[in-house]
């Protein structure tokens, strides 16, 4: 059973949470499936708007899927969320990713 299968089974069993959605999105992204990662990462930030790592991964998934404008907007929103939470490292990383997108 793959990681995605395990996480999907947990989700189907009613164990929905921001962490599970982040984990599922990350597993799909690592498997090279950004499109399937997107709805789970979007659910993670909906459930926890200050989940810095989910914002960062959502931006990455959007960039990998070719939606650079949405990726940039996501990084901007993620930077705000990370700063509100006091997560300076995540805000800094997303700022770097945003600058790379804007330069491309």
C-alpha atoms as a PDB file:
ATOM      1  CA  UNK A   1       0.000   0.000   0.000  1.00  0.00           C
ATOM      2  CA  UNK A   2       1.435   3.393  -1.017  1.00  0.00           C
ATOM      3  CA  UNK A   3       1.504   6.473   1.195  1.00  0.00           C
ATOM      4  CA  UNK A   4      -1.258   8.020  -0.887  1.00  0.00           C
ATOM      5  CA  UNK A   5      -3.384   4.884  -0.467  1.00  0.00           C
ATOM      6  CA  UNK A   6      -2.833   4.950   3.294  1.00  0.00           C
ATOM      7  CA  UNK A   7      -3.734   8.632   3.587  1.00  0.00           C
ATOM      8  CA  UNK A   8      -6.734   8.270   1.243  1.00  0.00           C
ATOM      9  CA  UNK A   9      -7.998   5.391   3.405  1.00  0.00           C
ATOM     10  CA  UNK A  10      -7.661   7.552   6.519  1.00  0.00           C
ATOM     11  CA  UNK A  11      -9.558  10.365   4.804  1.00  0.00           C
ATOM     12  CA  UNK A  12     -12.276   7.971   3.627  1.00  0.00           C
ATOM     13  CA  UNK A  13     -12.526   6.717   7.215  1.00  0.00           C
ATOM     14  CA  UNK A  14     -13.494  10.191   8.394  1.00  0.00           C
ATOM     15  CA  UNK A  15     -10.141  11.297   9.816  1.00  0.00           C
ATOM     16  CA  UNK A  16     -10.072  14.626   7.964  1.00  0.00           C
ATOM     17  CA  UNK A  17      -7.628  17.222   9.317  1.00  0.00           C
ATOM     18  CA  UNK A  18      -5.274  19.899   8.028  1.00  0.00           C
ATOM     19  CA  UNK A  19      -2.300  17.633   8.805  1.00  0.00           C
ATOM     20  CA  UNK A  20      -3.811  14.695   6.909  1.00  0.00           C
ATOM     21  CA  UNK A  21      -4.630  16.904   3.925  1.00  0.00           C
ATOM     22  CA  UNK A  22      -1.099  18.345   3.977  1.00  0.00           C
ATOM     23  CA  UNK A  23       0.383  14.836   4.180  1.00  0.00           C
ATOM     24  CA  UNK A  24      -1.790  13.618   1.309  1.00  0.00           C
ATOM     25  CA  UNK A  25      -0.937  16.638  -0.829  1.00  0.00           C
ATOM     26  CA  UNK A  26       2.754  16.169  -0.089  1.00  0.00           C
ATOM     27  CA  UNK A  27       2.578  12.466  -0.985  1.00  0.00           C
ATOM     28  CA  UNK A  28       0.940  13.244  -4.341  1.00  0.00           C
ATOM     29  CA  UNK A  29       3.456  16.003  -5.032  1.00  0.00           C
ATOM     30  CA  UNK A  30       6.367  13.682  -4.253  1.00  0.00           C
ATOM     31  CA  UNK A  31       4.795  11.153  -6.632  1.00  0.00           C
ATOM     32  CA  UNK A  32       4.829  13.820  -9.354  1.00  0.00           C
ATOM     33  CA  UNK A  33       1.071  14.404  -9.375  1.00  0.00           C
ATOM     34  CA  UNK A  34       0.625  18.124  -8.658  1.00  0.00           C
ATOM     35  CA  UNK A  35      -2.964  18.109  -9.950  1.00  0.00           C
ATOM     36  CA  UNK A  36      -4.056  15.545  -7.349  1.00  0.00           C
ATOM     37  CA  UNK A  37      -2.085  17.356  -4.633  1.00  0.00           C
ATOM     38  CA  UNK A  38      -3.891  20.670  -5.163  1.00  0.00           C
ATOM     39  CA  UNK A  39      -7.336  19.977  -3.646  1.00  0.00           C
ATOM     40  CA  UNK A  40      -5.783  18.428  -0.534  1.00  0.00           C
ATOM     41  CA  UNK A  41      -3.405  21.342   0.016  1.00  0.00           C
ATOM     42  CA  UNK A  42      -6.255  23.799  -0.543  1.00  0.00           C
ATOM     43  CA  UNK A  43      -8.286  21.883   2.049  1.00  0.00           C
ATOM     44  CA  UNK A  44      -5.367  22.065   4.497  1.00  0.00           C
ATOM     45  CA  UNK A  45      -5.196  25.873   4.360  1.00  0.00           C
ATOM     46  CA  UNK A  46      -8.989  26.122   4.516  1.00  0.00           C
ATOM     47  CA  UNK A  47      -8.978  24.046   7.706  1.00  0.00           C
ATOM     48  CA  UNK A  48      -5.954  25.899   9.145  1.00  0.00           C
ATOM     49  CA  UNK A  49      -5.353  29.294   7.505  1.00  0.00           C
ATOM     50  CA  UNK A  50      -2.049  29.714   9.409  1.00  0.00           C
ATOM     51  CA  UNK A  51      -0.522  26.381   8.292  1.00  0.00           C
ATOM     52  CA  UNK A  52       2.665  27.857   6.795  1.00  0.00           C
ATOM     53  CA  UNK A  53       3.997  24.583   5.389  1.00  0.00           C
ATOM     54  CA  UNK A  54       0.702  23.961   3.571  1.00  0.00           C
ATOM     55  CA  UNK A  55       0.800  27.429   1.984  1.00  0.00           C
ATOM     56  CA  UNK A  56       4.363  26.795   0.849  1.00  0.00           C
ATOM     57  CA  UNK A  57       3.533  23.383  -0.628  1.00  0.00           C
ATOM     58  CA  UNK A  58       0.371  24.702  -2.290  1.00  0.00           C
ATOM     59  CA  UNK A  59       2.433  27.385  -4.015  1.00  0.00           C
ATOM     60  CA  UNK A  60       4.886  24.733  -5.185  1.00  0.00           C
ATOM     61  CA  UNK A  61       2.085  22.496  -6.495  1.00  0.00           C
ATOM     62  CA  UNK A  62       0.496  25.400  -8.368  1.00  0.00           C
ATOM     63  CA  UNK A  63       3.853  26.329  -9.912  1.00  0.00           C
ATOM     64  CA  UNK A  64       4.466  22.712 -10.948  1.00  0.00           C
ATOM     65  CA  UNK A  65       1.010  22.540 -12.511  1.00  0.00           C
ATOM     66  CA  UNK A  66       1.822  25.647 -14.570  1.00  0.00           C
ATOM     67  CA  UNK A  67      -0.450  28.168 -12.823  1.00  0.00           C
ATOM     68  CA  UNK A  68       2.267  30.685 -12.011  1.00  0.00           C
ATOM     69  CA  UNK A  69      -0.125  33.555 -11.238  1.00  0.00           C
ATOM     70  CA  UNK A  70      -1.990  31.445  -8.670  1.00  0.00           C
ATOM     71  CA  UNK A  71       1.332  30.218  -7.250  1.00  0.00           C
ATOM     72  CA  UNK A  72       2.508  33.822  -6.768  1.00  0.00           C
ATOM     73  CA  UNK A  73      -0.807  34.806  -5.141  1.00  0.00           C
ATOM     74  CA  UNK A  74      -0.568  31.763  -2.866  1.00  0.00           C
ATOM     75  CA  UNK A  75       2.969  32.627  -1.800  1.00  0.00           C
ATOM     76  CA  UNK A  76       1.867  36.210  -1.043  1.00  0.00           C
ATOM     77  CA  UNK A  77      -1.038  34.979   1.101  1.00  0.00           C
ATOM     78  CA  UNK A  78       1.227  32.376   2.709  1.00  0.00           C
ATOM     79  CA  UNK A  79       3.773  35.028   3.658  1.00  0.00           C
ATOM     80  CA  UNK A  80       1.019  37.016   5.398  1.00  0.00           C
ATOM     81  CA  UNK A  81      -0.220  33.876   7.199  1.00  0.00           C
ATOM     82  CA  UNK A  82       3.310  32.879   8.230  1.00  0.00           C
ATOM     83  CA  UNK A  83       4.077  36.376   9.544  1.00  0.00           C
ATOM     84  CA  UNK A  84       0.812  36.417  11.522  1.00  0.00           C
ATOM     85  CA  UNK A  85       1.826  33.090  13.068  1.00  0.00           C
ATOM     86  CA  UNK A  86       5.393  34.272  13.731  1.00  0.00           C
ATOM     87  CA  UNK A  87       6.846  31.634  11.379  1.00  0.00           C
ATOM     88  CA  UNK A  88       9.686  33.767  10.017  1.00  0.00           C
ATOM     89  CA  UNK A  89      11.510  30.904   8.292  1.00  0.00           C
ATOM     90  CA  UNK A  90       8.482  29.888   6.217  1.00  0.00           C
ATOM     91  CA  UNK A  91       7.812  33.539   5.309  1.00  0.00           C
ATOM     92  CA  UNK A  92      11.426  33.933   4.197  1.00  0.00           C
ATOM     93  CA  UNK A  93      11.326  30.756   2.091  1.00  0.00           C
ATOM     94  CA  UNK A  94       8.076  31.771   0.394  1.00  0.00           C
ATOM     95  CA  UNK A  95       9.546  35.227  -0.309  1.00  0.00           C
ATOM     96  CA  UNK A  96      12.463  33.555  -2.110  1.00  0.00           C
ATOM     97  CA  UNK A  97      10.095  31.309  -4.116  1.00  0.00           C
ATOM     98  CA  UNK A  98       7.961  34.346  -5.002  1.00  0.00           C
ATOM     99  CA  UNK A  99      10.984  36.315  -6.222  1.00  0.00           C
ATOM    100  CA  UNK A 100      12.043  33.365  -8.399  1.00  0.00           C
ATOM    101  CA  UNK A 101       8.552  33.178  -9.916  1.00  0.00           C
ATOM    102  CA  UNK A 102       8.438  36.907 -10.579  1.00  0.00           C
ATOM    103  CA  UNK A 103      11.882  36.782 -12.222  1.00  0.00           C
ATOM    104  CA  UNK A 104      10.917  33.895 -14.511  1.00  0.00           C
END
